[in-house]
Amino acid sequence: MTENRWISEKEVSEMTGRALPTLRNDRFLGRGLPYTKMGKSVRYLIADVVAYMEARRVSTSDAPAR
């Protein structure tokens, strides 16, 4: 099951298009994606990354007509 897999911050950056410094700053400020820290390693659960992206999804059918 891939949704239960933990991925690195680099993989999250590639998946979301957010820069590594942005991910690190969000962690420092206590916002953004949930994560787990094991020693110096930071890991994100794929299911959390997908949920974060889905929550910010914009549907073009919801856009007002011009």
PDB file of N, CA and C in Angstrom:
ATOM      1  N   MET A   1       0.830  -1.187   0.000  1.00  0.00           N
ATOM      2  CA  MET A   1       0.000   0.000   0.000  1.00  0.00           C
ATOM      3  C   MET A   1       0.876   1.253   0.000  1.00  0.00           C
ATOM      4  N   THR A   2       0.826   2.027  -1.042  1.00  0.00           N
ATOM      5  CA  THR A   2       1.692   3.189  -1.140  1.00  0.00           C
ATOM      6  C   THR A   2       1.273   4.318  -0.211  1.00  0.00           C
ATOM      7  N   GLU A   3      -0.010   4.411   0.160  1.00  0.00           N
ATOM      8  CA  GLU A   3      -0.450   5.512   1.014  1.00  0.00           C
ATOM      9  C   GLU A   3       0.111   5.400   2.422  1.00  0.00           C
ATOM     10  N   ASN A   4       0.539   4.206   2.834  1.00  0.00           N
ATOM     11  CA  ASN A   4       1.133   4.022   4.153  1.00  0.00           C
ATOM     12  C   ASN A   4       2.647   4.133   4.116  1.00  0.00           C
ATOM     13  N   ARG A   5       3.182   4.544   2.987  1.00  0.00           N
ATOM     14  CA  ARG A   5       4.634   4.643   2.820  1.00  0.00           C
ATOM     15  C   ARG A   5       5.099   6.039   3.226  1.00  0.00           C
ATOM     16  N   TRP A   6       6.225   6.083   3.885  1.00  0.00           N
ATOM     17  CA  TRP A   6       6.835   7.351   4.289  1.00  0.00           C
ATOM     18  C   TRP A   6       7.826   7.788   3.220  1.00  0.00           C
ATOM     19  N   ILE A   7       7.847   9.085   2.911  1.00  0.00           N
ATOM     20  CA  ILE A   7       8.751   9.596   1.884  1.00  0.00           C
ATOM     21  C   ILE A   7       9.560  10.767   2.438  1.00  0.00           C
ATOM     22  N   SER A   8      10.669  11.056   1.786  1.00  0.00           N
ATOM     23  CA  SER A   8      11.581  12.116   2.224  1.00  0.00           C
ATOM     24  C   SER A   8      11.047  13.487   1.838  1.00  0.00           C
ATOM     25  N   GLU A   9      11.648  14.522   2.418  1.00  0.00           N
ATOM     26  CA  GLU A   9      11.235  15.884   2.074  1.00  0.00           C
ATOM     27  C   GLU A   9      11.550  16.201   0.609  1.00  0.00           C
ATOM     28  N   LYS A  10      12.600  15.592   0.076  1.00  0.00           N
ATOM     29  CA  LYS A  10      12.926  15.802  -1.341  1.00  0.00           C
ATOM     30  C   LYS A  10      11.821  15.235  -2.230  1.00  0.00           C
ATOM     31  N   GLU A  11      11.322  14.055  -1.874  1.00  0.00           N
ATOM     32  CA  GLU A  11      10.229  13.454  -2.639  1.00  0.00           C
ATOM     33  C   GLU A  11       8.952  14.289  -2.532  1.00  0.00           C
ATOM     34  N   VAL A  12       8.699  14.844  -1.353  1.00  0.00           N
ATOM     35  CA  VAL A  12       7.529  15.719  -1.168  1.00  0.00           C
ATOM     36  C   VAL A  12       7.685  16.968  -2.018  1.00  0.00           C
ATOM     37  N   SER A  13       8.871  17.515  -2.051  1.00  0.00           N
ATOM     38  CA  SER A  13       9.140  18.696  -2.863  1.00  0.00           C
ATOM     39  C   SER A  13       8.862  18.412  -4.337  1.00  0.00           C
ATOM     40  N   GLU A  14       9.325  17.268  -4.814  1.00  0.00           N
ATOM     41  CA  GLU A  14       9.092  16.890  -6.207  1.00  0.00           C
ATOM     42  C   GLU A  14       7.613  16.635  -6.481  1.00  0.00           C
ATOM     43  N   MET A  15       6.930  16.033  -5.516  1.00  0.00           N
ATOM     44  CA  MET A  15       5.526  15.671  -5.673  1.00  0.00           C
ATOM     45  C   MET A  15       4.616  16.903  -5.662  1.00  0.00           C
ATOM     46  N   THR A  16       4.933  17.877  -4.823  1.00  0.00           N
ATOM     47  CA  THR A  16       4.062  19.036  -4.642  1.00  0.00           C
ATOM     48  C   THR A  16       4.514  20.270  -5.411  1.00  0.00           C
ATOM     49  N   GLY A  17       5.778  20.290  -5.805  1.00  0.00           N
ATOM     50  CA  GLY A  17       6.315  21.477  -6.468  1.00  0.00           C
ATOM     51  C   GLY A  17       6.718  22.563  -5.490  1.00  0.00           C
ATOM     52  N   ARG A  18       6.700  22.260  -4.204  1.00  0.00           N
ATOM     53  CA  ARG A  18       7.126  23.221  -3.178  1.00  0.00           C
ATOM     54  C   ARG A  18       8.630  23.056  -2.951  1.00  0.00           C
ATOM     55  N   ALA A  19       9.321  24.153  -2.851  1.00  0.00           N
ATOM     56  CA  ALA A  19      10.773  24.122  -2.670  1.00  0.00           C
ATOM     57  C   ALA A  19      11.130  23.565  -1.291  1.00  0.00           C
ATOM     58  N   LEU A  20      12.293  22.912  -1.201  1.00  0.00           N
ATOM     59  CA  LEU A  20      12.762  22.387   0.093  1.00  0.00           C
ATOM     60  C   LEU A  20      12.809  23.472   1.173  1.00  0.00           C
ATOM     61  N   PRO A  21      13.350  24.666   0.879  1.00  0.00           N
ATOM     62  CA  PRO A  21      13.355  25.698   1.925  1.00  0.00           C
ATOM     63  C   PRO A  21      11.945  26.078   2.394  1.00  0.00           C
ATOM     64  N   THR A  22      10.965  26.009   1.509  1.00  0.00           N
ATOM     65  CA  THR A  22       9.585  26.302   1.896  1.00  0.00           C
ATOM     66  C   THR A  22       9.066  25.233   2.847  1.00  0.00           C
ATOM     67  N   LEU A  23       9.314  23.972   2.533  1.00  0.00           N
ATOM     68  CA  LEU A  23       8.896  22.883   3.420  1.00  0.00           C
ATOM     69  C   LEU A  23       9.556  23.026   4.788  1.00  0.00           C
ATOM     70  N   ARG A  24      10.836  23.362   4.796  1.00  0.00           N
ATOM     71  CA  ARG A  24      11.567  23.517   6.057  1.00  0.00           C
ATOM     72  C   ARG A  24      11.061  24.709   6.855  1.00  0.00           C
ATOM     73  N   ASN A  25      10.770  25.805   6.166  1.00  0.00           N
ATOM     74  CA  ASN A  25      10.241  26.983   6.839  1.00  0.00           C
ATOM     75  C   ASN A  25       8.850  26.700   7.420  1.00  0.00           C
ATOM     76  N   ASP A  26       8.022  25.994   6.670  1.00  0.00           N
ATOM     77  CA  ASP A  26       6.696  25.626   7.171  1.00  0.00           C
ATOM     78  C   ASP A  26       6.811  24.788   8.449  1.00  0.00           C
ATOM     79  N   ARG A  27       7.753  23.832   8.467  1.00  0.00           N
ATOM     80  CA  ARG A  27       7.935  23.025   9.679  1.00  0.00           C
ATOM     81  C   ARG A  27       8.369  23.906  10.839  1.00  0.00           C
ATOM     82  N   PHE A  28       9.297  24.818  10.585  1.00  0.00           N
ATOM     83  CA  PHE A  28       9.793  25.712  11.628  1.00  0.00           C
ATOM     84  C   PHE A  28       8.663  26.572  12.203  1.00  0.00           C
ATOM     85  N   LEU A  29       7.765  27.009  11.334  1.00  0.00           N
ATOM     86  CA  LEU A  29       6.658  27.876  11.751  1.00  0.00           C
ATOM     87  C   LEU A  29       5.450  27.091  12.253  1.00  0.00           C
ATOM     88  N   GLY A  30       5.522  25.755  12.200  1.00  0.00           N
ATOM     89  CA  GLY A  30       4.434  24.921  12.702  1.00  0.00           C
ATOM     90  C   GLY A  30       3.219  24.891  11.800  1.00  0.00           C
ATOM     91  N   ARG A  31       3.442  25.026  10.503  1.00  0.00           N
ATOM     92  CA  ARG A  31       2.320  24.977   9.556  1.00  0.00           C
ATOM     93  C   ARG A  31       2.667  24.014   8.430  1.00  0.00           C
ATOM     94  N   GLY A  32       1.734  23.835   7.526  1.00  0.00           N
ATOM     95  CA  GLY A  32       1.997  22.973   6.373  1.00  0.00           C
ATOM     96  C   GLY A  32       1.670  21.526   6.651  1.00  0.00           C
ATOM     97  N   LEU A  33       2.403  20.652   6.010  1.00  0.00           N
ATOM     98  CA  LEU A  33       2.148  19.215   6.054  1.00  0.00           C
ATOM     99  C   LEU A  33       2.560  18.576   7.380  1.00  0.00           C
ATOM    100  N   PRO A  34       1.779  17.590   7.848  1.00  0.00           N
ATOM    101  CA  PRO A  34       2.225  16.816   9.018  1.00  0.00           C
ATOM    102  C   PRO A  34       3.467  16.008   8.649  1.00  0.00           C
ATOM    103  N   TYR A  35       4.366  15.834   9.593  1.00  0.00           N
ATOM    104  CA  TYR A  35       5.598  15.095   9.324  1.00  0.00           C
ATOM    105  C   TYR A  35       6.045  14.357  10.573  1.00  0.00           C
ATOM    106  N   THR A  36       7.009  13.485  10.395  1.00  0.00           N
ATOM    107  CA  THR A  36       7.630  12.765  11.495  1.00  0.00           C
ATOM    108  C   THR A  36       9.126  12.982  11.403  1.00  0.00           C
ATOM    109  N   LYS A  37       9.745  13.181  12.540  1.00  0.00           N
ATOM    110  CA  LYS A  37      11.192  13.374  12.572  1.00  0.00           C
ATOM    111  C   LYS A  37      11.817  12.207  13.328  1.00  0.00           C
ATOM    112  N   MET A  38      12.780  11.565  12.670  1.00  0.00           N
ATOM    113  CA  MET A  38      13.511  10.452  13.275  1.00  0.00           C
ATOM    114  C   MET A  38      14.982  10.807  13.232  1.00  0.00           C
ATOM    115  N   GLY A  39      15.496  11.265  14.343  1.00  0.00           N
ATOM    116  CA  GLY A  39      16.868  11.765  14.347  1.00  0.00           C
ATOM    117  C   GLY A  39      16.925  13.012  13.498  1.00  0.00           C
ATOM    118  N   LYS A  40      17.776  13.015  12.501  1.00  0.00           N
ATOM    119  CA  LYS A  40      17.877  14.158  11.590  1.00  0.00           C
ATOM    120  C   LYS A  40      16.982  14.003  10.364  1.00  0.00           C
ATOM    121  N   SER A  41      16.402  12.821  10.205  1.00  0.00           N
ATOM    122  CA  SER A  41      15.567  12.554   9.035  1.00  0.00           C
ATOM    123  C   SER A  41      14.139  13.036   9.246  1.00  0.00           C
ATOM    124  N   VAL A  42      13.583  13.655   8.223  1.00  0.00           N
ATOM    125  CA  VAL A  42      12.189  14.090   8.223  1.00  0.00           C
ATOM    126  C   VAL A  42      11.462  13.244   7.196  1.00  0.00           C
ATOM    127  N   ARG A  43      10.307  12.702   7.579  1.00  0.00           N
ATOM    128  CA  ARG A  43       9.527  11.859   6.674  1.00  0.00           C
ATOM    129  C   ARG A  43       8.071  12.314   6.697  1.00  0.00           C
ATOM    130  N   TYR A  44       7.453  12.177   5.536  1.00  0.00           N
ATOM    131  CA  TYR A  44       6.047  12.522   5.355  1.00  0.00           C
ATOM    132  C   TYR A  44       5.299  11.277   4.899  1.00  0.00           C
ATOM    133  N   LEU A  45       4.094  11.097   5.392  1.00  0.00           N
ATOM    134  CA  LEU A  45       3.247   9.999   4.967  1.00  0.00           C
ATOM    135  C   LEU A  45       2.569  10.403   3.661  1.00  0.00           C
ATOM    136  N   ILE A  46       2.651   9.544   2.647  1.00  0.00           N
ATOM    137  CA  ILE A  46       2.076   9.871   1.342  1.00  0.00           C
ATOM    138  C   ILE A  46       0.603  10.245   1.471  1.00  0.00           C
ATOM    139  N   ALA A  47      -0.146   9.530   2.294  1.00  0.00           N
ATOM    140  CA  ALA A  47      -1.574   9.820   2.459  1.00  0.00           C
ATOM    141  C   ALA A  47      -1.782  11.257   2.949  1.00  0.00           C
ATOM    142  N   ASP A  48      -0.903  11.747   3.827  1.00  0.00           N
ATOM    143  CA  ASP A  48      -1.009  13.122   4.321  1.00  0.00           C
ATOM    144  C   ASP A  48      -0.710  14.131   3.215  1.00  0.00           C
ATOM    145  N   VAL A  49       0.270  13.817   2.384  1.00  0.00           N
ATOM    146  CA  VAL A  49       0.630  14.710   1.271  1.00  0.00           C
ATOM    147  C   VAL A  49      -0.526  14.798   0.281  1.00  0.00           C
ATOM    148  N   VAL A  50      -1.102  13.657  -0.053  1.00  0.00           N
ATOM    149  CA  VAL A  50      -2.225  13.628  -0.986  1.00  0.00           C
ATOM    150  C   VAL A  50      -3.424  14.376  -0.395  1.00  0.00           C
ATOM    151  N   ALA A  51      -3.728  14.155   0.882  1.00  0.00           N
ATOM    152  CA  ALA A  51      -4.845  14.848   1.531  1.00  0.00           C
ATOM    153  C   ALA A  51      -4.619  16.357   1.540  1.00  0.00           C
ATOM    154  N   TYR A  52      -3.400  16.785   1.799  1.00  0.00           N
ATOM    155  CA  TYR A  52      -3.050  18.208   1.797  1.00  0.00           C
ATOM    156  C   TYR A  52      -3.298  18.810   0.419  1.00  0.00           C
ATOM    157  N   MET A  53      -2.882  18.093  -0.614  1.00  0.00           N
ATOM    158  CA  MET A  53      -3.064  18.586  -1.979  1.00  0.00           C
ATOM    159  C   MET A  53      -4.545  18.578  -2.376  1.00  0.00           C
ATOM    160  N   GLU A  54      -5.260  17.540  -2.000  1.00  0.00           N
ATOM    161  CA  GLU A  54      -6.693  17.454  -2.314  1.00  0.00           C
ATOM    162  C   GLU A  54      -7.478  18.581  -1.636  1.00  0.00           C
ATOM    163  N   ALA A  55      -7.096  18.935  -0.423  1.00  0.00           N
ATOM    164  CA  ALA A  55      -7.791  19.995   0.310  1.00  0.00           C
ATOM    165  C   ALA A  55      -7.630  21.351  -0.371  1.00  0.00           C
ATOM    166  N   ARG A  56      -6.606  21.492  -1.190  1.00  0.00           N
ATOM    167  CA  ARG A  56      -6.340  22.757  -1.876  1.00  0.00           C
ATOM    168  C   ARG A  56      -6.693  22.699  -3.358  1.00  0.00           C
ATOM    169  N   ARG A  57      -7.393  21.661  -3.729  1.00  0.00           N
ATOM    170  CA  ARG A  57      -7.776  21.452  -5.131  1.00  0.00           C
ATOM    171  C   ARG A  57      -8.820  22.478  -5.553  1.00  0.00           C
ATOM    172  N   VAL A  58      -8.614  23.040  -6.715  1.00  0.00           N
ATOM    173  CA  VAL A  58      -9.537  24.014  -7.289  1.00  0.00           C
ATOM    174  C   VAL A  58     -10.146  23.406  -8.538  1.00  0.00           C
ATOM    175  N   SER A  59     -11.455  23.393  -8.587  1.00  0.00           N
ATOM    176  CA  SER A  59     -12.146  22.861  -9.758  1.00  0.00           C
ATOM    177  C   SER A  59     -12.549  24.002 -10.655  1.00  0.00           C
ATOM    178  N   THR A  60     -12.220  23.902 -11.933  1.00  0.00           N
ATOM    179  CA  THR A  60     -12.560  24.982 -12.863  1.00  0.00           C
ATOM    180  C   THR A  60     -14.062  25.087 -13.066  1.00  0.00           C
ATOM    181  N   SER A  61     -14.813  24.034 -12.812  1.00  0.00           N
ATOM    182  CA  SER A  61     -16.269  24.096 -12.948  1.00  0.00           C
ATOM    183  C   SER A  61     -16.887  24.951 -11.851  1.00  0.00           C
ATOM    184  N   ASP A  62     -16.147  25.195 -10.770  1.00  0.00           N
ATOM    185  CA  ASP A  62     -16.630  26.038  -9.670  1.00  0.00           C
ATOM    186  C   ASP A  62     -16.370  27.521  -9.920  1.00  0.00           C
ATOM    187  N   ALA A  63     -15.632  27.823 -10.987  1.00  0.00           N
ATOM    188  CA  ALA A  63     -15.296  29.222 -11.274  1.00  0.00           C
ATOM    189  C   ALA A  63     -16.547  29.956 -11.748  1.00  0.00           C
ATOM    190  N   PRO A  64     -16.719  31.210 -11.342  1.00  0.00           N
ATOM    191  CA  PRO A  64     -17.885  31.968 -11.774  1.00  0.00           C
ATOM    192  C   PRO A  64     -17.834  32.230 -13.282  1.00  0.00           C
ATOM    193  N   ALA A  65     -18.997  32.250 -13.899  1.00  0.00           N
ATOM    194  CA  ALA A  65     -19.083  32.534 -15.344  1.00  0.00           C
ATOM    195  C   ALA A  65     -18.808  34.000 -15.599  1.00  0.00           C
ATOM    196  N   ARG A  66     -18.238  34.287 -16.746  1.00  0.00           N
ATOM    197  CA  ARG A  66     -17.938  35.692 -17.097  1.00  0.00           C
ATOM    198  C   ARG A  66     -18.979  36.243 -18.002  1.00  0.00           C
TER     199      ARG A  66
END
